[in-house]
Amino acid sequence: MTYGIREFASILEIRREERRSEKRRASASNHGNAIRDRSVPKRANGWKARWNRVRRAIEQLSELRSGFKEGQRHHAILAYATALKTLGYSDHQIAAWAEPIFAKMSQSPNRFSRNEFAAAIRSADCCRGDRFSSGLRYTTLIEWLQITPQEQEITGIVPRTKTPSCADKIKARRQKLAELQRQFPGASARRLAKMLGASAPTVTSDLRAIAGEAFLSQAPEAVS
């Protein structure tokens, strides 16, 4: 069997395109594996650790309090089921694992009914959200179960502290500067800056702002 120039060229072009496609697929696969190897374990450890902390916190609280009060037990079941669902457990696994635990946790003389427990597990779908998102905030859990500051330290359920804004920082600095002015009347801007731990231009600007606010507060209102 003989090939002409056109046939031979077309065969070479097909094989060349096949090799290019294989290289593209291999490159894409390696890139995807590199991304997964680099990012997924880091994220997985983050959200898994968070939801395991919620699960352990509820177990610790039940031991510290010898169970949950009747007004808190439904929320405790809901948070516990939400944590287990987000970690990948099915409704059947949650019921088999958690029902005996919560049957001992209740401080109420009336034990959990199966319907009450099943309703809490169904409600967990609404609270769960995405596995990488918060779903159930620590502040909500603290409010539901009335977790005290001492219990927060033990369980690790501590809400994030709000980072002060730039305006809050400026306001706090000017309040401290005004106090220093009262303690050291007639002190220069450079000396105040050294005591405050700020730059002299910043303190000078703050002094002008403080003087302007004082002038506006003492000025009589304009009569129309």
Protein backbone atom coordinates (compact mmCIF):
# COMPACT_ATOMS: atom_id res chain seq x y z
CA MET A 1 0.00 0.00 0.00
CA THR A 2 1.43 3.33 -1.06
CA TYR A 3 0.75 6.82 0.28
CA GLY A 4 0.88 10.07 -1.57
CA ILE A 5 2.32 13.24 -0.12
CA ARG A 6 -1.12 14.52 0.91
CA GLU A 7 -2.13 11.26 2.58
CA PHE A 8 1.21 11.01 4.41
CA ALA A 9 0.97 14.64 5.56
CA SER A 10 -2.58 14.13 6.82
CA ILE A 11 -1.50 11.08 8.84
CA LEU A 12 1.36 13.04 10.40
CA GLU A 13 -0.97 15.93 11.23
CA ILE A 14 -3.48 13.61 12.89
CA ARG A 15 -0.78 11.98 15.03
CA ARG A 16 0.67 15.38 15.89
CA GLU A 17 -2.77 16.60 17.00
CA GLU A 18 -3.26 13.44 19.07
CA ARG A 19 0.05 14.04 20.84
CA ARG A 20 -0.95 17.66 21.51
CA SER A 21 -4.29 16.54 22.97
CA GLU A 22 -2.55 14.02 25.21
CA LYS A 23 -0.15 16.69 26.45
CA ARG A 24 -3.05 19.07 27.16
CA ARG A 25 -4.94 16.40 29.09
CA ALA A 26 -1.84 15.43 31.07
CA SER A 27 -1.04 19.06 31.84
CA ALA A 28 -4.61 19.78 32.96
CA SER A 29 -4.65 16.65 35.11
CA ASN A 30 -1.33 17.49 36.78
CA HIS A 31 -2.46 21.07 37.35
CA GLY A 32 -5.71 19.90 38.93
CA ASN A 33 -3.90 17.42 41.16
CA ALA A 34 -1.46 20.11 42.24
CA ILE A 35 -4.33 22.43 43.17
CA ARG A 36 -6.15 19.70 45.08
CA ASP A 37 -3.01 18.56 46.88
CA ARG A 38 -2.21 22.14 47.86
CA SER A 39 -5.60 23.53 48.87
CA VAL A 40 -8.09 20.84 49.81
CA PRO A 41 -6.29 19.37 52.85
CA LYS A 42 -5.78 22.85 54.25
CA ARG A 43 -9.45 23.76 53.82
CA ALA A 44 -10.67 20.33 54.91
CA ASN A 45 -8.70 20.51 58.13
CA GLY A 46 -10.21 23.93 58.77
CA TRP A 47 -13.89 23.13 58.41
CA LYS A 48 -13.60 19.64 59.87
CA ALA A 49 -11.79 20.97 62.91
CA ARG A 50 -14.47 23.64 63.39
CA TRP A 51 -17.40 21.21 63.26
CA ASN A 52 -15.60 18.65 65.43
CA ARG A 53 -15.09 21.45 67.95
CA VAL A 54 -18.86 22.08 67.96
CA ARG A 55 -19.54 18.36 68.44
CA ARG A 56 -17.05 18.02 71.29
CA ALA A 57 -18.27 21.24 72.91
CA ILE A 58 -21.82 19.90 73.19
CA GLU A 59 -20.54 16.66 74.70
CA GLN A 60 -18.39 18.61 77.18
CA LEU A 61 -21.26 20.90 78.13
CA SER A 62 -23.52 17.93 78.77
CA GLU A 63 -20.94 16.50 81.17
CA LEU A 64 -20.31 19.84 82.91
CA ARG A 65 -24.03 20.49 83.38
CA SER A 66 -25.14 16.87 83.83
CA GLY A 67 -27.37 17.29 80.80
CA PHE A 68 -29.31 20.11 79.16
CA LYS A 69 -32.37 21.91 80.44
CA GLU A 70 -35.67 21.47 78.66
CA GLY A 71 -35.39 24.90 77.01
CA GLN A 72 -31.94 24.07 75.61
CA ARG A 73 -32.11 20.41 74.70
CA HIS A 74 -33.71 20.88 71.26
CA HIS A 75 -31.05 23.43 70.32
CA ALA A 76 -28.35 21.06 71.61
CA ILE A 77 -29.67 18.23 69.44
CA LEU A 78 -29.99 20.57 66.46
CA ALA A 79 -26.39 21.82 66.78
CA TYR A 80 -25.08 18.30 67.33
CA ALA A 81 -26.93 16.91 64.31
CA THR A 82 -25.81 19.89 62.19
CA ALA A 83 -22.18 19.19 63.04
CA LEU A 84 -22.47 15.48 62.26
CA LYS A 85 -24.34 16.10 59.00
CA THR A 86 -21.74 18.58 57.83
CA LEU A 87 -19.03 16.04 58.65
CA GLY A 88 -20.75 13.61 56.28
CA TYR A 89 -22.85 11.35 58.51
CA SER A 90 -26.26 10.20 57.29
CA ASP A 91 -29.52 10.65 59.20
CA HIS A 92 -29.50 6.97 60.14
CA GLN A 93 -25.94 7.15 61.47
CA ILE A 94 -26.71 10.32 63.44
CA ALA A 95 -29.80 8.77 65.00
CA ALA A 96 -27.97 5.56 65.91
CA TRP A 97 -25.03 7.43 67.41
CA ALA A 98 -26.58 10.50 69.01
CA GLU A 99 -29.96 9.28 70.28
CA PRO A 100 -28.53 7.17 73.14
CA ILE A 101 -26.20 10.03 74.08
CA PHE A 102 -28.93 12.64 74.25
CA ALA A 103 -31.28 10.31 76.08
CA LYS A 104 -28.85 10.55 79.02
CA MET A 105 -28.21 14.28 78.63
CA SER A 106 -31.68 15.61 79.31
CA GLN A 107 -32.36 17.11 82.73
CA SER A 108 -36.08 16.96 82.07
CA PRO A 109 -38.01 14.05 83.59
CA ASN A 110 -39.54 13.49 80.13
CA ARG A 111 -37.01 11.79 77.87
CA PHE A 112 -36.62 12.59 74.20
CA SER A 113 -39.27 11.16 71.96
CA ARG A 114 -38.28 9.67 68.61
CA ASN A 115 -40.39 12.27 66.81
CA GLU A 116 -38.62 15.11 68.63
CA PHE A 117 -35.24 13.67 67.77
CA ALA A 118 -36.18 13.09 64.11
CA ALA A 119 -37.48 16.67 63.83
CA ALA A 120 -34.18 18.05 65.12
CA ILE A 121 -32.23 15.99 62.58
CA ARG A 122 -34.44 17.25 59.74
CA SER A 123 -33.99 20.83 60.95
CA ALA A 124 -30.22 20.40 60.74
CA ASP A 125 -30.45 20.65 56.94
CA CYS A 126 -31.51 24.30 57.29
CA CYS A 127 -28.61 25.20 59.60
CA ARG A 128 -25.90 23.27 57.87
CA GLY A 129 -25.17 25.50 54.87
CA ASP A 130 -22.00 24.84 52.87
CA ARG A 131 -19.30 22.74 54.51
CA PHE A 132 -16.73 25.49 53.95
CA SER A 133 -18.95 28.24 55.41
CA SER A 134 -19.89 28.84 58.99
CA GLY A 135 -23.47 27.51 58.77
CA LEU A 136 -23.94 27.77 62.55
CA ARG A 137 -22.21 30.72 64.18
CA TYR A 138 -20.54 30.46 67.56
CA THR A 139 -22.56 33.47 68.75
CA THR A 140 -25.78 31.61 67.89
CA LEU A 141 -24.61 28.49 69.72
CA ILE A 142 -23.64 30.58 72.77
CA GLU A 143 -27.08 32.20 72.79
CA TRP A 144 -28.93 28.91 72.31
CA LEU A 145 -27.14 27.03 75.08
CA GLN A 146 -26.35 30.03 77.33
CA ILE A 147 -22.64 29.19 77.34
CA THR A 148 -20.84 31.14 80.07
CA PRO A 149 -17.38 32.74 79.55
CA GLN A 150 -15.81 29.98 81.67
CA GLU A 151 -17.48 27.31 79.52
CA GLN A 152 -16.35 29.12 76.37
CA GLU A 153 -12.72 28.80 77.48
CA ILE A 154 -13.17 25.09 78.24
CA THR A 155 -14.98 24.20 75.01
CA GLY A 156 -13.18 26.57 72.64
CA ILE A 157 -16.48 28.08 71.46
CA VAL A 158 -15.23 31.66 71.53
CA PRO A 159 -16.67 34.24 69.09
CA ARG A 160 -14.29 36.29 67.04
CA THR A 161 -13.48 39.71 68.36
CA LYS A 162 -14.41 42.51 66.02
CA THR A 163 -11.40 44.27 64.55
CA PRO A 164 -11.64 48.01 65.28
CA SER A 165 -12.10 50.20 62.23
CA CYS A 166 -9.80 53.07 61.27
CA ALA A 167 -12.33 55.58 62.61
CA ASP A 168 -12.49 53.73 65.95
CA LYS A 169 -8.69 53.78 66.22
CA ILE A 170 -8.55 57.52 65.49
CA LYS A 171 -11.29 58.21 68.04
CA ALA A 172 -9.49 56.17 70.74
CA ARG A 173 -6.17 57.89 69.99
CA ARG A 174 -7.70 61.36 70.23
CA GLN A 175 -9.41 60.49 73.52
CA LYS A 176 -6.08 59.37 74.95
CA LEU A 177 -4.42 62.51 73.57
CA ALA A 178 -7.04 64.70 75.25
CA GLU A 179 -6.34 62.95 78.56
CA LEU A 180 -2.60 63.58 78.15
CA GLN A 181 -3.30 67.25 77.46
CA ARG A 182 -5.22 67.52 80.73
CA GLN A 183 -2.44 65.75 82.64
CA PHE A 184 0.38 67.73 81.01
CA PRO A 185 -0.95 71.20 80.12
CA GLY A 186 1.29 73.13 77.76
CA ALA A 187 3.18 70.03 76.55
CA SER A 188 4.48 70.28 73.00
CA ALA A 189 3.18 68.14 70.16
CA ARG A 190 6.52 66.34 69.97
CA ARG A 191 6.39 65.40 73.67
CA LEU A 192 2.77 64.28 73.42
CA ALA A 193 3.65 62.23 70.35
CA LYS A 194 6.45 60.50 72.25
CA MET A 195 4.14 59.66 75.18
CA LEU A 196 1.40 58.51 72.81
CA GLY A 197 3.73 56.47 70.62
CA ALA A 198 2.65 58.26 67.44
CA SER A 199 4.34 60.58 64.97
CA ALA A 200 4.47 64.34 65.56
CA PRO A 201 2.52 65.19 62.35
CA THR A 202 -0.25 62.78 63.38
CA VAL A 203 -0.49 64.31 66.86
CA THR A 204 -0.48 67.83 65.39
CA SER A 205 -3.38 66.88 63.10
CA ASP A 206 -5.23 65.33 66.04
CA LEU A 207 -4.69 68.45 68.18
CA ARG A 208 -6.17 70.61 65.46
CA ALA A 209 -9.17 68.29 65.18
CA ILE A 210 -9.67 68.32 68.97
CA ALA A 211 -9.44 72.11 69.05
CA GLY A 212 -11.94 72.37 66.22
CA GLU A 213 -14.40 70.05 67.96
CA ALA A 214 -14.05 72.03 71.20
CA PHE A 215 -14.66 75.30 69.36
CA LEU A 216 -17.77 73.95 67.63
CA SER A 217 -19.16 72.57 70.90
CA GLN A 218 -18.72 75.95 72.66
CA ALA A 219 -19.87 78.19 69.79
CA PRO A 220 -23.43 79.57 70.15
CA GLU A 221 -25.99 78.27 67.69
CA ALA A 222 -26.67 80.51 64.73
CA VAL A 223 -29.91 82.42 65.02
CA SER A 224 -31.93 82.38 61.84
